[in-house]
């Protein structure tokens, strides 16, 4: 009986584990742009923080609000889907796509923050 190979094929390259993180960051940025016009300044003023620094971002993002809403929703949904498909690093074999617990947790926090910003931007604009 031939031996069973224990290592992955040396000619195949392992897939990098950055898709969900990049999509989450893109969705978070787009949701921040949407929320910067009305919802985020209202939320910051309620907390007693200044929101004057958001005026430049709001002026740039206001004409593109519907596009930013669609892109944020799409990127956050795709990032959540890729994060859900990833396996935790403890159950992964060498050469497969795995998620380190720190990266997975930070991506999950980014997804939740993006969702909150998206909802705030949609409701208050």
C-alpha atoms as a PDB file:
ATOM      1  CA  UNK A   1       0.000   0.000   0.000  1.00  0.00           C
ATOM      2  CA  UNK A   2       1.469   3.414  -0.944  1.00  0.00           C
ATOM      3  CA  UNK A   3       2.095   5.913   1.857  1.00  0.00           C
ATOM      4  CA  UNK A   4      -0.540   8.559   2.431  1.00  0.00           C
ATOM      5  CA  UNK A   5       0.875  12.056   1.926  1.00  0.00           C
ATOM      6  CA  UNK A   6       0.550  14.195   5.044  1.00  0.00           C
ATOM      7  CA  UNK A   7       1.656  17.504   3.550  1.00  0.00           C
ATOM      8  CA  UNK A   8      -0.214  19.535   0.933  1.00  0.00           C
ATOM      9  CA  UNK A   9       0.983  19.610  -2.635  1.00  0.00           C
ATOM     10  CA  UNK A  10       4.129  21.818  -2.717  1.00  0.00           C
ATOM     11  CA  UNK A  11       3.049  23.360  -6.029  1.00  0.00           C
ATOM     12  CA  UNK A  12      -0.242  24.643  -4.627  1.00  0.00           C
ATOM     13  CA  UNK A  13      -0.171  27.928  -2.746  1.00  0.00           C
ATOM     14  CA  UNK A  14      -2.240  28.416   0.408  1.00  0.00           C
ATOM     15  CA  UNK A  15      -5.069  30.906   0.101  1.00  0.00           C
ATOM     16  CA  UNK A  16      -4.618  34.086   2.099  1.00  0.00           C
ATOM     17  CA  UNK A  17      -7.151  34.761   4.794  1.00  0.00           C
ATOM     18  CA  UNK A  18      -7.971  38.418   4.094  1.00  0.00           C
ATOM     19  CA  UNK A  19     -11.203  38.481   2.095  1.00  0.00           C
ATOM     20  CA  UNK A  20     -13.639  38.826   4.972  1.00  0.00           C
ATOM     21  CA  UNK A  21     -11.465  41.404   6.717  1.00  0.00           C
ATOM     22  CA  UNK A  22     -11.081  43.569   3.612  1.00  0.00           C
ATOM     23  CA  UNK A  23     -14.786  43.403   2.814  1.00  0.00           C
ATOM     24  CA  UNK A  24     -15.624  44.296   6.403  1.00  0.00           C
ATOM     25  CA  UNK A  25     -13.274  47.293   6.336  1.00  0.00           C
ATOM     26  CA  UNK A  26     -14.764  48.450   3.024  1.00  0.00           C
ATOM     27  CA  UNK A  27     -18.309  48.118   4.355  1.00  0.00           C
ATOM     28  CA  UNK A  28     -17.336  49.894   7.576  1.00  0.00           C
ATOM     29  CA  UNK A  29     -15.844  52.791   5.595  1.00  0.00           C
ATOM     30  CA  UNK A  30     -18.889  53.107   3.364  1.00  0.00           C
ATOM     31  CA  UNK A  31     -21.249  52.934   6.355  1.00  0.00           C
ATOM     32  CA  UNK A  32     -19.170  55.610   8.113  1.00  0.00           C
ATOM     33  CA  UNK A  33     -19.564  57.842   5.052  1.00  0.00           C
ATOM     34  CA  UNK A  34     -23.324  57.355   5.067  1.00  0.00           C
ATOM     35  CA  UNK A  35     -23.649  58.008   8.804  1.00  0.00           C
ATOM     36  CA  UNK A  36     -21.334  61.054   8.779  1.00  0.00           C
ATOM     37  CA  UNK A  37     -23.990  63.386   7.404  1.00  0.00           C
ATOM     38  CA  UNK A  38     -26.719  63.181  10.010  1.00  0.00           C
ATOM     39  CA  UNK A  39     -26.787  60.137  12.259  1.00  0.00           C
ATOM     40  CA  UNK A  40     -23.232  60.093  13.566  1.00  0.00           C
ATOM     41  CA  UNK A  41     -23.096  63.816  14.511  1.00  0.00           C
ATOM     42  CA  UNK A  42     -26.411  63.389  16.322  1.00  0.00           C
ATOM     43  CA  UNK A  43     -25.092  60.359  18.200  1.00  0.00           C
ATOM     44  CA  UNK A  44     -21.806  62.085  19.092  1.00  0.00           C
ATOM     45  CA  UNK A  45     -23.586  65.267  20.229  1.00  0.00           C
ATOM     46  CA  UNK A  46     -25.853  63.170  22.426  1.00  0.00           C
ATOM     47  CA  UNK A  47     -22.746  61.695  24.042  1.00  0.00           C
ATOM     48  CA  UNK A  48     -21.320  65.207  24.528  1.00  0.00           C
ATOM     49  CA  UNK A  49     -18.583  64.905  21.886  1.00  0.00           C
ATOM     50  CA  UNK A  50     -17.775  67.327  19.109  1.00  0.00           C
ATOM     51  CA  UNK A  51     -18.735  66.335  15.590  1.00  0.00           C
ATOM     52  CA  UNK A  52     -17.460  69.340  13.632  1.00  0.00           C
ATOM     53  CA  UNK A  53     -14.684  67.260  12.098  1.00  0.00           C
ATOM     54  CA  UNK A  54     -17.301  65.185  10.246  1.00  0.00           C
ATOM     55  CA  UNK A  55     -18.435  68.098   8.057  1.00  0.00           C
ATOM     56  CA  UNK A  56     -15.774  67.489   5.380  1.00  0.00           C
ATOM     57  CA  UNK A  57     -16.607  63.810   5.156  1.00  0.00           C
ATOM     58  CA  UNK A  58     -20.325  64.570   5.080  1.00  0.00           C
ATOM     59  CA  UNK A  59     -19.923  67.050   2.212  1.00  0.00           C
ATOM     60  CA  UNK A  60     -18.075  64.473   0.167  1.00  0.00           C
ATOM     61  CA  UNK A  61     -20.409  61.570   0.999  1.00  0.00           C
ATOM     62  CA  UNK A  62     -23.791  63.330   0.711  1.00  0.00           C
ATOM     63  CA  UNK A  63     -24.108  63.191  -3.111  1.00  0.00           C
ATOM     64  CA  UNK A  64     -23.143  59.503  -3.104  1.00  0.00           C
ATOM     65  CA  UNK A  65     -25.422  58.414  -0.269  1.00  0.00           C
ATOM     66  CA  UNK A  66     -27.428  55.765  -2.140  1.00  0.00           C
ATOM     67  CA  UNK A  67     -24.306  54.243  -3.698  1.00  0.00           C
ATOM     68  CA  UNK A  68     -22.566  54.165  -0.311  1.00  0.00           C
ATOM     69  CA  UNK A  69     -25.625  52.549   1.290  1.00  0.00           C
ATOM     70  CA  UNK A  70     -25.684  49.807  -1.334  1.00  0.00           C
ATOM     71  CA  UNK A  71     -21.917  49.242  -1.207  1.00  0.00           C
ATOM     72  CA  UNK A  72     -21.881  49.133   2.597  1.00  0.00           C
ATOM     73  CA  UNK A  73     -24.711  46.605   2.726  1.00  0.00           C
ATOM     74  CA  UNK A  74     -23.116  44.455   0.011  1.00  0.00           C
ATOM     75  CA  UNK A  75     -19.625  44.529   1.527  1.00  0.00           C
ATOM     76  CA  UNK A  76     -20.854  43.825   5.049  1.00  0.00           C
ATOM     77  CA  UNK A  77     -23.032  40.931   3.865  1.00  0.00           C
ATOM     78  CA  UNK A  78     -20.195  39.438   1.799  1.00  0.00           C
ATOM     79  CA  UNK A  79     -17.748  39.879   4.680  1.00  0.00           C
ATOM     80  CA  UNK A  80     -20.159  38.140   7.051  1.00  0.00           C
ATOM     81  CA  UNK A  81     -20.593  35.308   4.561  1.00  0.00           C
ATOM     82  CA  UNK A  82     -16.855  34.802   4.171  1.00  0.00           C
ATOM     83  CA  UNK A  83     -16.340  34.987   7.923  1.00  0.00           C
ATOM     84  CA  UNK A  84     -19.035  32.366   8.442  1.00  0.00           C
ATOM     85  CA  UNK A  85     -17.354  30.056   5.883  1.00  0.00           C
ATOM     86  CA  UNK A  86     -13.936  30.273   7.539  1.00  0.00           C
ATOM     87  CA  UNK A  87     -12.924  27.557   9.929  1.00  0.00           C
ATOM     88  CA  UNK A  88     -11.411  28.351  13.316  1.00  0.00           C
ATOM     89  CA  UNK A  89      -7.615  27.957  13.393  1.00  0.00           C
ATOM     90  CA  UNK A  90      -7.757  25.077  15.891  1.00  0.00           C
ATOM     91  CA  UNK A  91      -9.623  22.761  13.502  1.00  0.00           C
ATOM     92  CA  UNK A  92      -7.632  23.587  10.400  1.00  0.00           C
ATOM     93  CA  UNK A  93      -5.039  21.501   8.595  1.00  0.00           C
ATOM     94  CA  UNK A  94      -1.889  22.955   7.097  1.00  0.00           C
ATOM     95  CA  UNK A  95      -2.430  24.849   3.858  1.00  0.00           C
ATOM     96  CA  UNK A  96      -6.139  25.516   4.328  1.00  0.00           C
ATOM     97  CA  UNK A  97      -7.913  28.800   4.938  1.00  0.00           C
ATOM     98  CA  UNK A  98      -8.164  29.325   8.695  1.00  0.00           C
ATOM     99  CA  UNK A  99      -9.106  32.198  10.938  1.00  0.00           C
ATOM    100  CA  UNK A 100      -7.004  33.252  13.896  1.00  0.00           C
ATOM    101  CA  UNK A 101      -9.236  33.972  16.852  1.00  0.00           C
ATOM    102  CA  UNK A 102      -7.993  37.577  17.207  1.00  0.00           C
ATOM    103  CA  UNK A 103      -8.615  38.378  13.527  1.00  0.00           C
ATOM    104  CA  UNK A 104     -11.975  36.627  13.622  1.00  0.00           C
ATOM    105  CA  UNK A 105     -13.039  38.593  16.704  1.00  0.00           C
ATOM    106  CA  UNK A 106     -11.912  41.934  15.289  1.00  0.00           C
ATOM    107  CA  UNK A 107     -13.695  41.191  12.008  1.00  0.00           C
ATOM    108  CA  UNK A 108     -16.859  40.351  13.929  1.00  0.00           C
ATOM    109  CA  UNK A 109     -16.614  43.630  15.885  1.00  0.00           C
ATOM    110  CA  UNK A 110     -16.079  45.494  12.602  1.00  0.00           C
ATOM    111  CA  UNK A 111     -19.151  43.838  11.103  1.00  0.00           C
ATOM    112  CA  UNK A 112     -21.286  44.839  14.068  1.00  0.00           C
ATOM    113  CA  UNK A 113     -19.974  48.420  14.075  1.00  0.00           C
ATOM    114  CA  UNK A 114     -20.584  48.657  10.327  1.00  0.00           C
ATOM    115  CA  UNK A 115     -24.127  47.395  10.739  1.00  0.00           C
ATOM    116  CA  UNK A 116     -24.825  49.944  13.485  1.00  0.00           C
ATOM    117  CA  UNK A 117     -23.401  52.780  11.356  1.00  0.00           C
ATOM    118  CA  UNK A 118     -25.385  51.597   8.341  1.00  0.00           C
ATOM    119  CA  UNK A 119     -28.652  51.558  10.288  1.00  0.00           C
ATOM    120  CA  UNK A 120     -27.924  54.972  11.847  1.00  0.00           C
ATOM    121  CA  UNK A 121     -27.036  56.422   8.447  1.00  0.00           C
ATOM    122  CA  UNK A 122     -30.182  55.020   6.863  1.00  0.00           C
ATOM    123  CA  UNK A 123     -32.573  56.103   9.592  1.00  0.00           C
ATOM    124  CA  UNK A 124     -31.298  59.629  10.254  1.00  0.00           C
ATOM    125  CA  UNK A 125     -30.464  60.827   6.752  1.00  0.00           C
END
